[in-house]
Protein backbone atom coordinates (compact mmCIF):
# COMPACT_ATOMS: atom_id res chain seq x y z
CA UNK A 1 12.04 -0.05 14.88
CA UNK A 2 9.06 1.46 16.67
CA UNK A 3 9.87 3.06 19.98
CA UNK A 4 8.32 5.50 22.43
CA UNK A 5 4.96 5.22 20.68
CA UNK A 6 3.27 2.90 23.15
CA UNK A 7 4.80 -0.15 21.49
CA UNK A 8 6.35 -1.81 24.51
CA UNK A 9 6.99 -5.03 22.58
CA UNK A 10 9.17 -3.26 20.03
CA UNK A 11 11.25 -1.67 22.77
CA UNK A 12 11.64 -5.00 24.56
CA UNK A 13 12.64 -6.78 21.34
CA UNK A 14 15.26 -4.14 20.69
CA UNK A 15 16.63 -4.39 24.22
CA UNK A 16 16.77 -8.21 24.12
CA UNK A 17 18.45 -8.12 20.73
CA UNK A 18 21.18 -5.84 22.11
CA UNK A 19 21.60 -8.11 25.13
CA UNK A 20 22.06 -11.14 22.84
CA UNK A 21 24.50 -9.31 20.58
CA UNK A 22 26.58 -8.26 23.58
CA UNK A 23 26.57 -11.82 24.91
CA UNK A 24 27.66 -13.26 21.53
CA UNK A 25 30.58 -10.83 21.34
CA UNK A 26 31.62 -11.71 24.90
CA UNK A 27 31.46 -15.42 24.04
CA UNK A 28 33.72 -14.76 21.04
CA UNK A 29 36.16 -12.79 23.21
CA UNK A 30 36.21 -15.69 25.70
CA UNK A 31 36.97 -17.99 22.75
CA UNK A 32 33.91 -20.11 23.48
CA UNK A 33 32.81 -19.37 19.93
CA UNK A 34 35.07 -18.72 16.97
CA UNK A 35 35.14 -15.37 15.18
CA UNK A 36 32.12 -14.97 12.95
CA UNK A 37 29.78 -12.51 11.23
CA UNK A 38 26.55 -12.20 13.16
CA UNK A 39 23.59 -12.27 10.75
CA UNK A 40 20.39 -10.27 11.13
CA UNK A 41 18.04 -12.10 13.51
CA UNK A 42 14.65 -11.54 15.07
CA UNK A 43 13.36 -11.68 18.62
CA UNK A 44 10.07 -13.54 18.38
CA UNK A 45 7.16 -14.51 20.59
CA UNK A 46 6.91 -18.28 21.15
CA UNK A 47 3.65 -19.98 20.25
CA UNK A 48 3.42 -21.76 23.58
CA UNK A 49 3.47 -20.23 27.06
CA UNK A 50 5.99 -22.73 28.46
CA UNK A 51 8.64 -21.41 26.07
CA UNK A 52 8.67 -18.00 27.72
CA UNK A 53 7.80 -14.52 26.58
CA UNK A 54 10.38 -14.11 23.81
CA UNK A 55 12.77 -16.36 21.94
CA UNK A 56 15.73 -16.16 19.54
CA UNK A 57 16.99 -18.82 17.14
CA UNK A 58 20.37 -17.20 16.48
CA UNK A 59 22.40 -20.28 17.59
CA UNK A 60 20.78 -22.30 14.78
CA UNK A 61 21.80 -19.61 12.32
CA UNK A 62 25.42 -19.59 13.55
CA UNK A 63 26.09 -23.33 13.57
CA UNK A 64 27.53 -23.50 10.05
CA UNK A 65 29.92 -20.56 10.59
CA UNK A 66 30.94 -21.62 14.09
CA UNK A 67 31.17 -25.31 13.15
CA UNK A 68 29.52 -26.14 16.45
CA UNK A 69 26.19 -27.70 17.46
CA UNK A 70 23.56 -24.96 17.97
CA UNK A 71 22.87 -26.07 21.54
CA UNK A 72 26.56 -25.62 22.43
CA UNK A 73 26.48 -22.15 20.86
CA UNK A 74 23.37 -21.31 22.90
CA UNK A 75 25.07 -22.44 26.10
CA UNK A 76 28.06 -20.20 25.34
CA UNK A 77 25.84 -17.20 24.72
CA UNK A 78 23.61 -17.71 27.76
CA UNK A 79 26.67 -17.63 30.05
CA UNK A 80 27.00 -13.93 29.30
CA UNK A 81 23.32 -12.98 29.57
CA UNK A 82 22.66 -11.35 32.92
CA UNK A 83 19.26 -11.97 34.44
CA UNK A 84 18.72 -8.31 35.10
CA UNK A 85 16.27 -5.49 34.49
CA UNK A 86 13.34 -7.03 32.64
CA UNK A 87 14.72 -10.60 32.47
CA UNK A 88 13.54 -13.07 35.09
CA UNK A 89 15.23 -16.19 33.67
CA UNK A 90 16.74 -17.59 30.47
CA UNK A 91 16.37 -21.16 29.22
CA UNK A 92 17.73 -23.16 26.30
CA UNK A 93 15.14 -25.28 24.53
CA UNK A 94 15.11 -27.78 21.70
CA UNK A 95 18.11 -27.80 19.38
CA UNK A 96 19.32 -24.36 20.50
CA UNK A 97 16.56 -21.83 21.02
CA UNK A 98 17.19 -19.20 23.71
CA UNK A 99 13.96 -18.44 25.57
CA UNK A 100 13.47 -15.37 27.75
CA UNK A 101 11.06 -15.21 30.68
CA UNK A 102 10.45 -11.59 31.67
CA UNK A 103 9.58 -10.04 35.00
CA UNK A 104 5.95 -9.15 35.60
CA UNK A 105 6.63 -5.41 35.40
CA UNK A 106 6.59 -5.35 31.60
CA UNK A 107 2.94 -6.42 31.65
CA UNK A 108 2.13 -3.50 33.92
CA UNK A 109 3.80 -1.16 31.42
CA UNK A 110 1.43 -2.36 28.69
CA UNK A 111 -1.64 -1.40 30.70
CA UNK A 112 -0.18 1.92 31.82
CA UNK A 113 0.68 2.75 28.21
CA UNK A 114 -2.88 2.02 27.05
CA UNK A 115 -4.31 4.11 29.87
CA UNK A 116 -2.03 6.99 28.99
CA UNK A 117 -2.51 6.91 25.21
CA UNK A 118 -6.20 6.00 25.05
CA UNK A 119 -7.52 6.37 21.50
CA UNK A 120 -3.95 6.90 20.26
CA UNK A 121 -2.75 3.50 21.47
CA UNK A 122 -1.54 1.63 18.41
CA UNK A 123 -0.64 4.78 16.49
CA UNK A 124 2.91 5.71 15.48
CA UNK A 125 4.60 8.35 13.35
CA UNK A 126 6.52 6.11 10.97
CA UNK A 127 5.06 7.92 7.96
CA UNK A 128 6.20 11.34 9.22
CA UNK A 129 3.42 13.10 7.30
CA UNK A 130 4.40 11.75 3.87
CA UNK A 131 1.58 12.22 1.36
CA UNK A 132 -0.07 9.03 0.12
CA UNK A 133 -3.09 8.71 -2.14
CA UNK A 134 -5.43 5.74 -2.21
CA UNK A 135 -7.79 5.49 -5.17
CA UNK A 136 -10.59 3.00 -4.74
CA UNK A 137 -14.10 2.04 -5.88
CA UNK A 138 -13.88 4.20 -9.04
CA UNK A 139 -16.93 2.37 -10.39
CA UNK A 140 -18.27 3.31 -13.81
CA UNK A 141 -21.04 5.91 -13.38
CA UNK A 142 -23.58 3.81 -15.26
CA UNK A 143 -25.44 2.26 -12.37
CA UNK A 144 -25.73 2.01 -8.58
CA UNK A 145 -22.79 0.58 -6.64
CA UNK A 146 -22.88 -3.19 -6.29
CA UNK A 147 -21.50 -5.33 -3.48
CA UNK A 148 -18.12 -5.73 -5.25
CA UNK A 149 -17.70 -1.95 -5.12
CA UNK A 150 -18.83 -2.07 -1.49
CA UNK A 151 -15.97 -4.44 -0.68
CA UNK A 152 -13.52 -2.09 -2.40
CA UNK A 153 -14.98 0.80 -0.38
CA UNK A 154 -14.48 -1.07 2.90
CA UNK A 155 -10.93 -2.08 2.02
CA UNK A 156 -9.82 1.29 0.65
CA UNK A 157 -11.30 3.28 3.51
CA UNK A 158 -9.64 1.02 6.08
CA UNK A 159 -6.27 1.20 4.32
CA UNK A 160 -6.41 5.00 4.54
CA UNK A 161 -7.28 4.77 8.24
CA UNK A 162 -4.36 2.41 8.83
CA UNK A 163 -1.85 4.54 6.92
CA UNK A 164 -2.94 7.63 8.82
CA UNK A 165 -2.61 5.66 12.07
CA UNK A 166 1.10 5.12 11.44
CA UNK A 167 1.76 8.74 10.54
CA UNK A 168 1.15 9.07 6.80
CA UNK A 169 -1.02 11.81 5.33
CA UNK A 170 -3.27 9.52 3.29
CA UNK A 171 -6.13 10.76 1.11
CA UNK A 172 -9.13 9.03 -0.46
CA UNK A 173 -9.87 9.51 -4.16
CA UNK A 174 -12.56 8.26 -6.55
CA UNK A 175 -11.85 8.36 -10.30
CA UNK A 176 -15.02 8.89 -12.29
CA UNK A 177 -14.84 7.20 -15.71
CA UNK A 178 -17.16 9.72 -17.32
CA UNK A 179 -15.62 9.78 -20.81
CA UNK A 180 -15.53 6.16 -21.96
CA UNK A 181 -17.72 4.23 -24.35
CA UNK A 182 -19.76 2.72 -21.50
CA UNK A 183 -21.11 6.19 -20.70
CA UNK A 184 -22.53 6.58 -24.20
CA UNK A 185 -23.97 3.05 -24.05
CA UNK A 186 -25.64 4.16 -20.84
CA UNK A 187 -27.02 7.26 -22.60
CA UNK A 188 -28.41 5.10 -25.43
CA UNK A 189 -30.04 2.83 -22.83
CA UNK A 190 -31.76 5.80 -21.14
CA UNK A 191 -32.77 7.13 -24.55
CA UNK A 192 -34.46 3.85 -25.54
CA UNK A 193 -36.40 3.63 -22.26
CA UNK A 194 -37.40 7.28 -22.52
CA UNK A 195 -38.79 6.83 -26.02
CA UNK A 196 -40.51 3.54 -25.10
CA UNK A 197 -42.21 5.12 -22.08
CA UNK A 198 -43.48 7.87 -24.36
CA UNK A 199 -45.07 5.26 -26.66
CA UNK A 200 -42.39 5.00 -29.30
CA UNK A 201 -41.64 1.56 -30.75
CA UNK A 202 -37.85 1.55 -30.61
CA UNK A 203 -35.51 -1.38 -29.99
CA UNK A 204 -33.38 -1.53 -26.88
CA UNK A 205 -29.60 -1.59 -27.59
CA UNK A 206 -28.23 -5.14 -27.55
CA UNK A 207 -25.29 -3.96 -25.45
CA UNK A 208 -27.42 -1.68 -23.30
CA UNK A 209 -27.95 -1.68 -19.54
CA UNK A 210 -31.11 -3.65 -18.73
CA UNK A 211 -31.52 -2.85 -15.03
CA UNK A 212 -34.77 -1.42 -13.72
CA UNK A 213 -32.80 1.60 -12.53
CA UNK A 214 -32.51 2.70 -16.20
CA UNK A 215 -36.30 2.69 -16.53
CA UNK A 216 -36.53 4.60 -13.26
CA UNK A 217 -34.11 7.22 -14.61
CA UNK A 218 -36.15 7.58 -17.78
CA UNK A 219 -39.33 8.03 -15.69
CA UNK A 220 -37.63 10.69 -13.56
CA UNK A 221 -36.67 12.57 -16.74
CA UNK A 222 -40.26 12.40 -17.99
CA UNK A 223 -41.61 13.49 -14.59
CA UNK A 224 -39.27 16.48 -14.60
CA UNK A 225 -39.15 17.44 -18.29
CA UNK A 226 -42.09 15.65 -19.93
CA UNK A 227 -41.61 15.08 -23.68
CA UNK A 228 -39.31 18.08 -24.01
CA UNK A 229 -36.53 15.97 -25.54
CA UNK A 230 -38.73 13.91 -27.84
CA UNK A 231 -38.37 16.00 -30.98
CA UNK A 232 -34.78 17.24 -30.68
CA UNK A 233 -31.90 15.78 -32.68
CA UNK A 234 -30.88 12.36 -31.37
CA UNK A 235 -27.27 13.43 -30.90
CA UNK A 236 -28.37 16.32 -28.71
CA UNK A 237 -30.80 14.09 -26.80
CA UNK A 238 -28.09 11.49 -26.13
CA UNK A 239 -25.70 14.14 -24.82
CA UNK A 240 -28.47 15.50 -22.58
CA UNK A 241 -29.31 12.06 -21.23
CA UNK A 242 -25.62 11.36 -20.74
CA UNK A 243 -25.26 14.44 -18.53
CA UNK A 244 -28.51 13.86 -16.62
CA UNK A 245 -27.80 10.16 -16.14
CA UNK A 246 -24.23 10.74 -14.96
CA UNK A 247 -25.30 13.33 -12.40
CA UNK A 248 -28.10 11.20 -10.98
CA UNK A 249 -25.95 8.07 -10.76
CA UNK A 250 -23.00 9.94 -9.24
CA UNK A 251 -25.26 11.65 -6.70
CA UNK A 252 -26.62 8.24 -5.76
CA UNK A 253 -23.16 6.69 -5.50
CA UNK A 254 -21.96 9.52 -3.28
CA UNK A 255 -24.96 9.19 -0.98
CA UNK A 256 -24.65 5.40 -0.76
CA UNK A 257 -20.97 5.66 0.14
CA UNK A 258 -21.68 8.41 2.65
CA UNK A 259 -24.31 6.21 4.30
CA UNK A 260 -21.71 3.42 4.31
CA UNK A 261 -19.32 5.66 6.24
CA UNK A 262 -16.98 6.45 3.33
CA UNK A 263 -16.16 10.06 2.44
CA UNK A 264 -13.76 10.82 -0.40
CA UNK A 265 -11.37 13.76 -0.36
CA UNK A 266 -11.65 14.13 -4.14
CA UNK A 267 -13.85 12.88 -6.96
CA UNK A 268 -11.60 13.11 -10.03
CA UNK A 269 -13.06 13.18 -13.56
CA UNK A 270 -11.68 11.34 -16.58
CA UNK A 271 -13.33 13.94 -18.82
CA UNK A 272 -11.48 16.68 -16.94
CA UNK A 273 -8.20 14.80 -17.43
CA UNK A 274 -8.87 14.51 -21.17
CA UNK A 275 -9.70 18.22 -21.39
CA UNK A 276 -6.67 19.30 -19.32
CA UNK A 277 -4.00 18.79 -21.99
CA UNK A 278 -2.09 16.35 -19.78
CA UNK A 279 -2.46 13.57 -22.32
CA UNK A 280 -0.28 15.60 -24.71
CA UNK A 281 2.26 15.99 -21.92
CA UNK A 282 2.33 12.20 -21.45
CA UNK A 283 2.78 11.55 -25.17
CA UNK A 284 5.53 14.17 -25.44
CA UNK A 285 7.49 12.67 -22.53
CA UNK A 286 7.25 9.18 -24.03
CA UNK A 287 8.31 10.44 -27.47
CA UNK A 288 11.13 12.63 -26.18
CA UNK A 289 12.59 9.73 -24.20
CA UNK A 290 12.39 7.52 -27.29
CA UNK A 291 9.99 5.07 -25.71
CA UNK A 292 7.67 5.09 -28.74
CA UNK A 293 7.73 4.08 -32.41
CA UNK A 294 5.38 3.98 -35.39
CA UNK A 295 4.03 0.76 -36.84
CA UNK A 296 1.02 0.08 -39.11
CA UNK A 297 0.00 3.72 -38.90
CA UNK A 298 -0.24 3.63 -35.08
CA UNK A 299 2.11 4.85 -32.33
CA UNK A 300 3.38 2.15 -30.00
CA UNK A 301 4.80 2.41 -26.48
CA UNK A 302 7.93 0.35 -25.78
CA UNK A 303 6.47 -1.09 -22.61
CA UNK A 304 8.57 -4.27 -22.96
CA UNK A 305 11.59 -2.10 -22.08
CA UNK A 306 10.09 -1.87 -18.57
CA UNK A 307 9.10 -5.52 -18.25
CA UNK A 308 5.69 -5.72 -19.96
CA UNK A 309 5.10 -8.86 -22.02
CA UNK A 310 4.53 -6.86 -25.24
CA UNK A 311 4.52 -3.29 -26.53
CA UNK A 312 1.24 -1.35 -26.43
CA UNK A 313 -0.54 0.94 -28.87
CA UNK A 314 -1.00 4.41 -27.39
CA UNK A 315 -2.33 6.23 -30.48
CA UNK A 316 -4.47 4.34 -32.98
CA UNK A 317 -4.11 4.73 -36.74
CA UNK A 318 -7.22 6.98 -36.71
CA UNK A 319 -5.51 9.36 -34.25
CA UNK A 320 -7.48 8.33 -31.16
CA UNK A 321 -5.52 7.61 -27.98
CA UNK A 322 -5.96 4.28 -26.23
CA UNK A 323 -7.19 3.99 -22.67
CA UNK A 324 -3.75 3.92 -21.12
CA UNK A 325 -2.99 7.52 -22.15
CA UNK A 326 -5.66 9.26 -20.00
CA UNK A 327 -4.87 6.81 -17.20
CA UNK A 328 -1.19 7.79 -17.32
CA UNK A 329 -2.15 11.46 -17.48
CA UNK A 330 -4.34 11.06 -14.40
CA UNK A 331 -1.54 9.38 -12.47
CA UNK A 332 1.00 11.98 -13.61
CA UNK A 333 -1.37 14.54 -12.12
CA UNK A 334 -1.29 12.61 -8.83
CA UNK A 335 2.49 12.91 -8.79
CA UNK A 336 2.32 16.62 -9.53
CA UNK A 337 -0.04 17.03 -6.58
CA UNK A 338 2.78 15.88 -4.32
CA UNK A 339 1.87 12.28 -3.54
CA UNK A 340 5.01 10.26 -2.77
CA UNK A 341 3.12 6.98 -2.99
CA UNK A 342 -0.03 6.04 -4.87
CA UNK A 343 -2.14 2.96 -4.18
CA UNK A 344 -4.86 1.85 -6.59
CA UNK A 345 -7.50 -0.77 -5.81
CA UNK A 346 -8.69 -2.51 -8.97
CA UNK A 347 -11.11 -5.29 -9.79
CA UNK A 348 -9.88 -8.75 -10.85
CA UNK A 349 -10.71 -8.10 -14.52
CA UNK A 350 -7.94 -5.47 -14.57
CA UNK A 351 -5.11 -7.75 -13.47
CA UNK A 352 -3.54 -7.86 -16.93
CA UNK A 353 -3.49 -4.06 -17.06
CA UNK A 354 -1.00 -3.76 -14.18
CA UNK A 355 2.30 -4.32 -16.09
CA UNK A 356 1.55 -1.75 -18.80
CA UNK A 357 0.40 0.81 -16.23
CA UNK A 358 3.52 0.42 -14.11
CA UNK A 359 5.65 0.50 -17.29
CA UNK A 360 4.01 3.75 -18.29
CA UNK A 361 4.69 5.41 -14.95
CA UNK A 362 8.36 4.42 -15.17
CA UNK A 363 8.51 5.92 -18.67
CA UNK A 364 7.23 9.16 -17.14
CA UNK A 365 10.17 9.12 -14.71
CA UNK A 366 8.56 7.69 -11.58
CA UNK A 367 10.03 4.77 -9.60
CA UNK A 368 8.60 1.28 -10.08
CA UNK A 369 7.22 1.17 -6.54
CA UNK A 370 5.64 4.65 -6.66
CA UNK A 371 2.44 3.05 -7.89
CA UNK A 372 1.15 0.00 -6.05
CA UNK A 373 -1.92 -1.81 -7.35
CA UNK A 374 -4.04 -4.13 -5.22
CA UNK A 375 -6.57 -6.46 -6.78
CA UNK A 376 -9.87 -6.71 -4.89
CA UNK A 377 -11.45 -10.04 -5.75
CA UNK A 378 -15.09 -10.83 -6.34
CA UNK A 379 -17.82 -11.16 -3.73
CA UNK A 380 -20.16 -14.13 -3.74
CA UNK A 381 -23.34 -12.97 -2.03
CA UNK A 382 -25.15 -15.88 -0.43
CA UNK A 383 -28.80 -15.84 0.52
CA UNK A 384 -30.39 -19.02 1.82
CA UNK A 385 -27.22 -20.87 0.91
CA UNK A 386 -27.60 -19.92 -2.76
CA UNK A 387 -25.29 -17.58 -4.68
CA UNK A 388 -26.98 -14.45 -6.04
CA UNK A 389 -26.13 -13.85 -9.69
CA UNK A 390 -24.75 -10.42 -10.45
CA UNK A 391 -24.49 -8.70 -13.85
CA UNK A 392 -24.90 -4.95 -14.14
CA UNK A 393 -25.69 -4.98 -17.83
CA UNK A 394 -28.25 -7.79 -17.52
CA UNK A 395 -29.84 -5.98 -14.60
CA UNK A 396 -29.20 -8.86 -12.19
CA UNK A 397 -27.21 -7.47 -9.29
CA UNK A 398 -27.58 -6.48 -5.67
CA UNK A 399 -26.67 -2.88 -4.94
CA UNK A 400 -24.89 -1.63 -1.84
CA UNK A 401 -28.06 0.21 -0.85
CA UNK A 402 -30.21 -2.89 -1.29
CA UNK A 403 -27.81 -4.93 0.82
CA UNK A 404 -27.80 -2.43 3.68
CA UNK A 405 -31.56 -1.94 3.48
CA UNK A 406 -32.21 -5.68 3.61
CA UNK A 407 -29.89 -6.18 6.58
CA UNK A 408 -31.31 -3.09 8.31
CA UNK A 409 -34.81 -4.55 8.32
CA UNK A 410 -33.60 -7.27 10.69
CA UNK A 411 -30.75 -5.74 12.70
CA UNK A 412 -31.02 -1.94 12.40
CA UNK A 413 -29.04 0.37 10.14
CA UNK A 414 -25.90 0.89 12.24
CA UNK A 415 -25.31 -2.81 12.80
CA UNK A 416 -26.12 -3.46 9.12
CA UNK A 417 -23.34 -1.08 8.08
CA UNK A 418 -20.97 -2.50 10.70
CA UNK A 419 -21.55 -6.12 9.75
CA UNK A 420 -21.25 -5.39 6.02
CA UNK A 421 -17.95 -3.57 6.45
CA UNK A 422 -16.57 -6.24 8.76
CA UNK A 423 -17.61 -9.12 6.47
CA UNK A 424 -16.06 -7.38 3.43
CA UNK A 425 -12.79 -7.08 5.38
CA UNK A 426 -12.53 -10.58 6.82
CA UNK A 427 -10.45 -12.02 4.00
CA UNK A 428 -7.39 -10.87 2.07
CA UNK A 429 -8.27 -8.63 -0.88
CA UNK A 430 -6.80 -11.13 -3.34
CA UNK A 431 -9.13 -13.90 -2.13
CA UNK A 432 -12.74 -14.40 -3.21
CA UNK A 433 -15.18 -13.60 -0.44
CA UNK A 434 -18.45 -15.33 0.46
CA UNK A 435 -20.85 -12.91 2.15
CA UNK A 436 -23.36 -14.98 4.09
CA UNK A 437 -26.42 -12.81 4.62
CA UNK A 438 -27.99 -15.36 6.96
CA UNK A 439 -24.97 -15.22 9.26
CA UNK A 440 -24.80 -11.43 8.99
CA UNK A 441 -28.15 -10.95 10.74
CA UNK A 442 -27.50 -13.42 13.55
CA UNK A 443 -26.95 -11.69 16.87
CA UNK A 444 -24.99 -14.53 18.41
CA UNK A 445 -21.40 -15.63 19.00
CA UNK A 446 -21.33 -17.28 15.56
CA UNK A 447 -21.46 -13.80 14.02
CA UNK A 448 -17.91 -12.38 14.41
CA UNK A 449 -19.10 -8.77 14.39
CA UNK A 450 -21.59 -9.38 17.17
CA UNK A 451 -18.95 -11.36 19.08
CA UNK A 452 -16.45 -8.48 19.02
CA UNK A 453 -18.96 -5.70 19.68
CA UNK A 454 -20.52 -7.72 22.49
CA UNK A 455 -17.14 -7.89 24.23
CA UNK A 456 -17.00 -4.07 24.17
CA UNK A 457 -20.60 -3.75 25.34
CA UNK A 458 -20.02 -6.31 28.12
CA UNK A 459 -17.12 -4.25 29.48
CA UNK A 460 -19.27 -1.11 29.42
CA UNK A 461 -21.86 -3.09 31.38
CA UNK A 462 -19.23 -4.05 33.96
CA UNK A 463 -18.55 -0.39 34.67
CA UNK A 464 -22.28 0.34 35.00
CA UNK A 465 -22.54 -2.54 37.50
CA UNK A 466 -19.54 -1.14 39.38
CA UNK A 467 -21.44 2.10 39.93
CA UNK A 468 -24.60 0.24 40.96
CA UNK A 469 -22.67 -1.88 43.48
CA UNK A 470 -20.87 1.16 44.84
CA UNK A 471 -17.41 -0.26 44.24
CA UNK A 472 -14.98 2.65 44.43
CA UNK A 473 -12.08 2.87 42.02
CA UNK A 474 -8.62 3.16 43.58
CA UNK A 475 -6.52 5.71 41.72
CA UNK A 476 -3.34 3.65 41.54
CA UNK A 477 -4.43 0.04 41.17
CA UNK A 478 -1.92 -2.67 42.08
CA UNK A 479 -1.41 -4.26 38.66
CA UNK A 480 1.01 -6.83 40.07
CA UNK A 481 -2.08 -8.69 41.31
CA UNK A 482 -2.89 -9.70 37.72
CA UNK A 483 -1.12 -13.06 37.73
CA UNK A 484 -3.74 -15.55 36.57
CA UNK A 485 -2.86 -17.19 33.21
CA UNK A 486 -6.01 -15.72 31.65
CA UNK A 487 -5.02 -12.25 32.84
CA UNK A 488 -1.47 -12.57 31.54
CA UNK A 489 -2.70 -13.89 28.17
CA UNK A 490 -5.08 -10.95 27.87
CA UNK A 491 -2.38 -8.37 28.61
CA UNK A 492 -0.02 -10.00 26.12
CA UNK A 493 -2.74 -9.86 23.48
CA UNK A 494 -3.18 -6.15 24.16
CA UNK A 495 0.56 -5.72 23.74
CA UNK A 496 0.32 -7.11 20.20
CA UNK A 497 -1.93 -4.31 18.96
CA UNK A 498 0.68 -1.70 17.87
CA UNK A 499 2.61 -4.34 15.92
CA UNK A 500 -0.61 -5.55 14.31
CA UNK A 501 -1.58 -2.03 13.26
CA UNK A 502 1.87 -1.37 11.82
CA UNK A 503 2.03 -4.65 9.90
CA UNK A 504 -1.52 -4.23 8.62
CA UNK A 505 -0.82 -0.69 7.42
CA UNK A 506 2.53 -1.41 5.76
CA UNK A 507 1.20 -4.54 4.03
CA UNK A 508 -2.21 -2.95 3.34
CA UNK A 509 -4.01 -5.94 4.86
CA UNK A 510 -6.95 -4.69 6.94
CA UNK A 511 -8.18 -8.28 7.32
CA UNK A 512 -5.44 -8.76 9.92
CA UNK A 513 -7.22 -6.21 12.12
CA UNK A 514 -10.51 -8.13 11.86
CA UNK A 515 -8.61 -11.25 12.87
CA UNK A 516 -6.93 -9.47 15.78
CA UNK A 517 -10.13 -8.02 17.29
CA UNK A 518 -11.82 -11.42 17.04
CA UNK A 519 -8.88 -13.04 18.84
CA UNK A 520 -8.83 -10.29 21.48
CA UNK A 521 -12.56 -10.74 22.08
CA UNK A 522 -12.04 -14.50 22.45
CA UNK A 523 -9.22 -14.04 24.99
CA UNK A 524 -11.36 -11.51 26.88
CA UNK A 525 -14.38 -13.83 27.03
CA UNK A 526 -12.13 -16.63 28.35
CA UNK A 527 -10.82 -14.27 31.03
CA UNK A 528 -14.33 -13.08 31.90
CA UNK A 529 -15.62 -16.63 32.34
CA UNK A 530 -12.75 -17.53 34.70
CA UNK A 531 -11.98 -14.31 36.60
CA UNK A 532 -14.51 -12.37 38.65
CA UNK A 533 -14.05 -8.68 37.87
CA UNK A 534 -16.31 -7.09 40.49
CA UNK A 535 -15.65 -8.52 43.95
CA UNK A 536 -16.71 -6.44 46.95
CA UNK A 537 -14.61 -8.69 49.17
CA UNK A 538 -11.41 -7.99 47.23
CA UNK A 539 -11.46 -4.37 46.18
CA UNK A 540 -7.76 -4.23 45.25
CA UNK A 541 -8.02 -7.14 42.82
CA UNK A 542 -11.27 -5.74 41.43
CA UNK A 543 -9.57 -2.44 40.73
CA UNK A 544 -6.67 -4.11 38.97
CA UNK A 545 -9.09 -6.11 36.83
CA UNK A 546 -11.11 -2.99 36.09
CA UNK A 547 -7.96 -1.40 34.69
CA UNK A 548 -7.39 -4.51 32.58
CA UNK A 549 -10.90 -4.66 31.10
CA UNK A 550 -10.91 -0.91 30.53
CA UNK A 551 -7.75 -1.34 28.46
CA UNK A 552 -9.44 -4.14 26.51
CA UNK A 553 -12.37 -1.81 25.88
CA UNK A 554 -10.00 0.86 24.56
CA UNK A 555 -8.17 -1.49 22.21
CA UNK A 556 -11.34 -3.07 20.81
CA UNK A 557 -12.71 0.41 20.12
CA UNK A 558 -9.44 1.50 18.50
CA UNK A 559 -9.33 -1.61 16.34
CA UNK A 560 -12.93 -1.26 15.18
CA UNK A 561 -12.37 2.44 14.43
CA UNK A 562 -9.61 1.51 11.99
CA UNK A 563 -12.19 -0.61 10.16
CA UNK A 564 -14.80 2.15 10.21
CA UNK A 565 -16.99 0.15 12.60
CA UNK A 566 -18.76 1.36 15.73
CA UNK A 567 -18.19 0.10 19.27
CA UNK A 568 -21.63 0.09 20.94
CA UNK A 569 -21.89 0.45 24.70
CA UNK A 570 -24.97 -1.75 24.87
CA UNK A 571 -26.41 -4.53 22.72
């Protein structure tokens, strides 16, 4: 249970829970309820204002044990609940819900807590510095990053922000697949374009990469080296183009991600893993623990022992290891680096790979839940209502850079980055996402990013107007004046933020933060349209409302920061 970290709601829930437990025990002692085992129950917020601030459904849970109607149980319990401290009144509703109406003071505590904590409001220390690693994007280094990788970048970066916000020591990592067959296909593609540009009549590989960026790479090589590689052995030329191509693509990917606001703590190399000797360590552990056997000249891993649907080949009959071996070696290295939890973000085409990977980590002695894998689903990019086809190999795809550049032409670079990140985060990672480019460039309430940022900018404008009107701020504003329904609703929404951050971090669901800031902006705009903030004729109320909107400004900024999005002061 969160406590003493600015989460007033958690403290109130805990206090109300103890009050209810005490009342139940007193009702049992008074023989109003028979002896029973009290199950775990929650103190929840009702959906409707008329049902109070908090509610418990414990009487409905006890009716079978007590052999009494839930409403009668509720009546017995309520007799022993004192309307004291934070409780203003208690009511029984429906079949047996106990609803609590709290005194106004708890709302004041919310605002005071936000004022005191500022940018730290919403943060906790649940993680206690435990090391967590999040690996994401990890796109093959054979072309620029596309919009699917951009979604993974937005999600992964936000998950790290969220985990750090609740006290974990989370790190960002990118795994470069620089040793697989696709890299040599990429080298052959560059080679063919290089030779063609130099006048040689050579066919392009059927499985090659057709994008214009491959031609551009070949031209850059010619501009820098001329025909230097024309007459060397093809094997040497392919290795050269492999190295040059990898470096140029990786440099471009790093720059694109940096411009997108994503900085990785480590760029790990598959080639380095293969050269490290850790694959032999993995094979030895599997063999020594008798999780392998020979069949048809190959070595098989008994992955079915750990729940996989079938056993997997780990060493082919020709002596080559299969892909899972370097992957296991890489993840073993993560464990040896001290990470207590590892989170991988994969594309939807890797879904079937999850069971064998988790089986492998268990075979290496790590718990089942040490590795958690999230699937980031596809992005459907819409332009003019039409889906844009994307295929890296066919050369038909929109890169992250192209997306940001196109948006920037209409809305400026910072808003382009903000709107892209926000749109990529608006849905759960396991759901397909439609990215509407027409909506993204609209600077109106229909654009959720504009709507949220405008709320922040509007509050900044209020404070500029305050200075212009000469309204002086009272140091200790009377927050008890904030009694209008719109004011109360706004404070309650602010109170939800620490819970939302915690839930979003633990469940690795950054889309819940996008939902929260949109809802907070909506509640603020409703308040703003009904309640006059700056009123020279009522300075005390103005000051109380200035405290309220300043707290809204803080929470919007904190929420957007978790998503890697700016909070402009003017729009």
